[in-house]
Protein backbone atom coordinates (compact mmCIF):
# COMPACT_ATOMS: atom_id res chain seq x y z
CA TYR A 1 2.87 32.68 -4.75
CA ALA A 2 1.95 29.40 -3.05
CA GLY A 3 0.59 28.04 -6.31
CA LEU A 4 3.76 29.09 -8.11
CA VAL A 5 5.86 27.22 -5.56
CA LEU A 6 3.87 24.05 -6.14
CA ILE A 7 4.07 24.38 -9.92
CA ALA A 8 7.83 24.98 -9.75
CA LEU A 9 8.26 21.88 -7.58
CA GLU A 10 6.12 19.82 -9.94
CA LEU A 11 8.33 20.92 -12.84
CA HIS A 12 11.51 20.28 -10.81
CA LYS A 13 12.40 23.98 -11.03
CA LEU A 14 13.75 24.13 -7.51
CA THR A 15 15.59 27.44 -7.83
CA GLU A 16 12.41 29.14 -9.00
CA GLY A 17 10.41 27.37 -6.31
CA GLU A 18 12.80 28.65 -3.66
CA LYS A 19 12.52 32.19 -5.01
CA PHE A 20 8.72 32.07 -4.88
CA ALA A 21 8.69 30.46 -1.42
CA ARG A 22 11.06 33.08 -0.02
CA ARG A 23 8.87 35.83 -1.47
CA LEU A 24 5.80 34.21 0.07
CA VAL A 25 7.46 34.18 3.51
CA GLU A 26 8.53 37.77 2.99
CA LEU A 27 4.96 38.82 2.18
CA GLU A 28 3.30 36.83 4.97
CA PRO A 29 5.95 36.11 7.62
CA GLU A 30 3.35 35.10 10.22
CA LYS A 31 2.17 32.05 8.24
CA ALA A 32 3.86 28.91 9.53
CA GLU A 33 2.65 26.83 6.59
CA TYR A 34 4.49 29.13 4.15
CA ARG A 35 7.71 28.70 6.13
CA SER A 36 7.13 24.95 5.95
CA MET A 37 6.72 25.23 2.19
CA LEU A 38 10.08 27.03 2.01
CA GLY A 39 11.60 24.30 4.17
CA SER A 40 10.36 21.66 1.76
CA VAL A 41 11.92 23.46 -1.21
CA LEU A 42 15.20 23.81 0.67
CA MET A 43 15.11 20.13 1.61
CA ALA A 44 14.51 19.18 -2.03
CA GLN A 45 17.67 21.10 -2.90
CA GLY A 46 19.71 19.28 -0.28
CA MET A 47 19.94 22.35 1.97
CA THR A 48 19.25 20.27 5.06
CA GLU A 49 20.56 22.64 7.74
CA GLU A 50 18.61 25.64 6.44
CA ALA A 51 15.54 23.46 5.96
CA GLU A 52 15.81 22.29 9.57
CA GLU A 53 16.02 25.89 10.80
CA THR A 54 13.04 26.85 8.67
CA PHE A 55 10.89 23.96 9.90
CA ASN A 56 11.84 24.74 13.50
CA LYS A 57 10.79 28.38 12.99
CA ALA A 58 7.45 27.24 11.57
CA ILE A 59 6.85 24.98 14.58
CA ALA A 60 7.89 27.75 16.98
CA MET A 61 5.34 30.03 15.34
CA GLN A 62 2.56 27.45 15.38
CA ASP A 63 3.14 24.39 17.53
CA ASP A 64 0.52 22.30 15.72
CA CYS A 65 1.95 23.08 12.25
CA VAL A 66 1.74 19.63 10.69
CA PRO A 67 3.71 20.50 7.52
CA GLY A 68 6.51 21.87 9.70
CA ARG A 69 6.54 18.81 11.94
CA ALA A 70 6.45 16.44 8.96
CA GLY A 71 9.25 18.34 7.24
CA LEU A 72 11.35 18.33 10.39
CA GLY A 73 10.70 14.61 10.69
CA HIS A 74 12.17 14.08 7.22
CA VAL A 75 15.20 16.21 8.08
CA LEU A 76 15.79 14.24 11.27
CA MET A 77 15.37 10.96 9.42
CA GLU A 78 17.95 12.03 6.85
CA LYS A 79 20.33 12.99 9.67
CA GLY A 80 19.89 9.56 11.26
CA ASP A 81 17.85 10.75 14.26
CA LEU A 82 15.16 8.11 13.91
CA ALA A 83 13.74 8.65 17.41
CA GLY A 84 13.32 12.38 16.71
CA ALA A 85 11.79 11.67 13.31
CA GLU A 86 9.34 9.19 14.81
CA LYS A 87 8.34 11.76 17.43
CA MET A 88 7.61 14.35 14.74
CA PHE A 89 5.60 11.94 12.57
CA ARG A 90 3.60 10.71 15.57
CA SER A 91 2.77 14.31 16.45
CA CYS A 92 1.39 14.72 12.91
CA LEU A 93 -0.85 11.69 13.44
CA LYS A 94 -2.03 13.17 16.72
CA GLU A 95 -3.14 16.32 14.88
CA GLU A 96 -4.51 14.76 11.69
CA GLY A 97 -5.53 11.26 12.70
CA ALA A 98 -5.24 8.02 10.79
CA THR A 99 -5.64 9.68 7.39
CA SER A 100 -2.40 11.64 7.79
CA PRO A 101 0.29 11.14 5.13
CA ALA A 102 2.67 10.90 8.11
CA ILE A 103 1.64 7.25 8.48
CA TYR A 104 3.77 6.39 5.44
CA SER A 105 6.71 8.36 6.87
CA LEU A 106 6.36 6.60 10.22
CA ILE A 107 6.46 3.23 8.44
CA GLN A 108 9.66 4.33 6.66
CA VAL A 109 11.28 5.21 10.01
CA LYS A 110 10.44 1.76 11.33
CA LYS A 111 12.01 0.09 8.27
CA VAL A 112 15.38 1.83 8.72
């Protein structure tokens, strides 16, 4: 299902992507990265509150879940909590190092 979520997102089929992501979480509820994937689909649909809850659940399940922290950072940035967003993106860098895509997100926070 993870591949189907990515394909649906690539094709901008967000409703289908959400359906596949929810099924993935249903099948493997212990996987934080799958919850993060669902959060990303929800965020893409403008479902910010549910996305935030989903990312928080992923982080609660696995504290070092970089996709969850990055996703939460984007939610916080959209909500205007730049300090919270920066904290999340910096925690991604701590886990992944200088090659993390979170560097770009951190730069965006600093521009706002």
